[in-house]
Amino acid sequence: MSLRTSIAEDMKSAMRAKDAPRLSAIRLLQAGIKQREVDERIELDDTQVVAVIEKMLKQRRDSITQYEAAKRMDLADVEKFEVSVLQAYMPQALSEDEVAQLVTAAIASSGAAGVKDMGKVIAAVKPLVAGRADMGAVSALIKTKLAA
């Protein structure tokens, strides 16, 4: 079953269960997917849907930080719930050890010698960890390994 089909089925079950917060979060996700499809005039596959979810997760995490700084816990809680709903559609996350192994292999295969070759390593690692690891953390790991 494709990711889009799974999202549609979850929306139907949320409607049947009269779970308004979950239904609202799923509708936001579907709207984001539809918006990208309309903008780019394409039908999204699962990897592109994961990219949309990643973007929405990043937005929600940024909002949580801002709301907590402003002491608006009510709004932060709503965003946290949306993060939990969106996170359910993401692929299984990689462990830190798995990410470190992928980075080490990418450094060896690309022949990177220093921090100036960081772009080569990121280009090799990004398709392998897309949607399964935080690229900010991966980038920091690559930088520390190349600097050593």
Protein backbone atom coordinates (compact mmCIF):
# COMPACT_ATOMS: atom_id res chain seq x y z
CA MET A 1 0.00 0.00 0.00
CA SER A 2 1.38 3.40 -0.94
CA LEU A 3 1.90 6.13 1.60
CA ARG A 4 -0.84 8.29 0.07
CA THR A 5 -3.33 5.41 0.30
CA SER A 6 -2.34 4.85 3.92
CA ILE A 7 -2.88 8.54 4.72
CA ALA A 8 -6.31 8.47 3.03
CA GLU A 9 -7.32 5.37 4.99
CA ASP A 10 -6.18 6.94 8.25
CA MET A 11 -8.22 10.03 7.45
CA LYS A 12 -11.33 7.91 6.93
CA SER A 13 -10.77 6.06 10.20
CA ALA A 14 -10.25 9.38 12.05
CA MET A 15 -13.56 10.62 10.59
CA ARG A 16 -15.37 7.47 11.69
CA ALA A 17 -13.86 7.73 15.18
CA LYS A 18 -14.75 11.44 15.34
CA ASP A 19 -11.12 12.15 16.30
CA ALA A 20 -11.06 15.86 15.36
CA PRO A 21 -7.43 16.71 16.28
CA ARG A 22 -6.05 13.72 14.36
CA LEU A 23 -8.34 14.41 11.42
CA SER A 24 -7.18 18.03 11.33
CA ALA A 25 -3.50 16.99 11.29
CA ILE A 26 -4.08 14.47 8.49
CA ARG A 27 -6.01 17.04 6.47
CA LEU A 28 -3.08 19.45 6.83
CA LEU A 29 -0.78 16.74 5.50
CA GLN A 30 -3.05 15.99 2.56
CA ALA A 31 -3.30 19.70 1.79
CA GLY A 32 0.49 19.96 1.78
CA ILE A 33 0.78 17.01 -0.59
CA LYS A 34 -1.92 18.37 -2.89
CA GLN A 35 -0.33 21.83 -2.90
CA ARG A 36 2.99 20.43 -4.06
CA GLU A 37 1.28 18.34 -6.73
CA VAL A 38 -0.58 21.35 -8.07
CA ASP A 39 2.50 23.60 -7.93
CA GLU A 40 4.72 21.14 -9.77
CA ARG A 41 2.00 19.55 -11.92
CA ILE A 42 3.07 16.02 -11.00
CA GLU A 43 1.77 13.10 -8.97
CA LEU A 44 3.98 12.54 -5.94
CA ASP A 45 5.50 9.14 -5.23
CA ASP A 46 6.30 7.88 -1.73
CA THR A 47 9.76 9.47 -1.54
CA GLN A 48 8.35 12.86 -2.53
CA VAL A 49 5.53 12.47 0.02
CA VAL A 50 8.18 11.75 2.67
CA ALA A 51 9.94 14.98 1.64
CA VAL A 52 6.67 16.91 2.14
CA ILE A 53 6.26 15.30 5.58
CA GLU A 54 9.86 16.18 6.50
CA LYS A 55 9.24 19.81 5.58
CA MET A 56 6.05 19.89 7.64
CA LEU A 57 7.84 18.29 10.60
CA LYS A 58 10.58 20.90 10.44
CA GLN A 59 7.98 23.69 10.38
CA ARG A 60 6.19 22.19 13.38
CA ARG A 61 9.43 21.82 15.36
CA ASP A 62 10.33 25.44 14.65
CA SER A 63 6.85 26.51 15.76
CA ILE A 64 7.15 24.50 18.97
CA THR A 65 10.41 26.29 19.79
CA GLN A 66 8.84 29.69 19.14
CA TYR A 67 5.67 28.92 21.12
CA GLU A 68 7.65 27.62 24.11
CA ALA A 69 9.84 30.73 24.06
CA ALA A 70 6.68 32.84 24.13
CA LYS A 71 5.25 30.65 26.93
CA ARG A 72 2.28 29.56 24.79
CA MET A 73 2.14 25.92 25.89
CA ASP A 74 -1.39 25.51 24.54
CA LEU A 75 -0.19 26.17 20.98
CA ALA A 76 3.01 24.17 21.51
CA ASP A 77 0.93 21.15 22.60
CA VAL A 78 -1.13 21.32 19.39
CA GLU A 79 2.07 21.39 17.32
CA LYS A 80 3.53 18.49 19.32
CA PHE A 81 0.42 16.42 18.61
CA GLU A 82 0.73 17.21 14.89
CA VAL A 83 4.39 16.14 15.00
CA SER A 84 3.36 12.80 16.52
CA VAL A 85 0.76 12.25 13.79
CA LEU A 86 3.17 13.20 10.99
CA GLN A 87 5.99 11.13 12.49
CA ALA A 88 3.86 7.99 12.09
CA TYR A 89 4.18 8.27 8.29
CA MET A 90 7.96 8.58 8.28
CA PRO A 91 10.11 5.52 7.52
CA GLN A 92 11.92 3.76 10.38
CA ALA A 93 14.66 6.06 11.68
CA LEU A 94 18.30 5.00 11.51
CA SER A 95 20.31 4.62 14.71
CA GLU A 96 23.34 6.80 15.35
CA ASP A 97 25.63 3.81 14.71
CA GLU A 98 23.98 3.09 11.35
CA VAL A 99 24.34 6.74 10.31
CA ALA A 100 28.00 6.74 11.40
CA GLN A 101 28.65 3.60 9.33
CA LEU A 102 27.01 5.15 6.25
CA VAL A 103 29.05 8.34 6.68
CA THR A 104 32.30 6.41 7.08
CA ALA A 105 31.54 4.35 3.97
CA ALA A 106 30.65 7.50 1.99
CA ILE A 107 33.88 9.22 3.03
CA ALA A 108 35.90 6.18 1.93
CA SER A 109 34.06 5.77 -1.39
CA SER A 110 34.19 9.47 -2.31
CA GLY A 111 37.84 9.83 -1.41
CA ALA A 112 37.13 12.92 0.71
CA ALA A 113 40.29 14.28 2.31
CA GLY A 114 39.06 17.28 4.26
CA VAL A 115 36.21 19.61 5.10
CA LYS A 116 36.41 21.08 1.57
CA ASP A 117 35.12 17.72 0.24
CA MET A 118 32.06 17.79 2.50
CA GLY A 119 29.69 18.35 -0.44
CA LYS A 120 30.77 15.09 -2.08
CA VAL A 121 30.11 13.13 1.09
CA ILE A 122 26.72 14.77 1.69
CA ALA A 123 25.73 14.02 -1.92
CA ALA A 124 26.59 10.35 -1.35
CA VAL A 125 24.88 10.05 2.04
CA LYS A 126 21.70 12.10 1.46
CA PRO A 127 19.83 9.55 -0.72
CA LEU A 128 20.62 6.79 1.78
CA VAL A 129 19.30 8.62 4.84
CA ALA A 130 16.49 10.70 3.31
CA GLY A 131 13.59 10.73 5.73
CA ARG A 132 15.37 8.38 8.12
CA ALA A 133 17.81 10.75 9.83
CA ASP A 134 18.11 14.45 10.61
CA MET A 135 20.33 15.94 7.89
CA GLY A 136 21.58 18.62 10.29
CA ALA A 137 22.98 15.95 12.61
CA VAL A 138 24.36 13.98 9.65
CA SER A 139 26.07 17.11 8.32
CA ALA A 140 27.64 17.81 11.72
CA LEU A 141 28.86 14.20 11.91
CA ILE A 142 30.41 14.44 8.44
CA LYS A 143 32.12 17.70 9.36
CA THR A 144 33.64 16.25 12.54
CA LYS A 145 34.86 13.10 10.76
CA LEU A 146 36.42 15.12 7.95
CA ALA A 147 38.06 17.60 10.33
CA ALA A 148 39.70 14.81 12.34
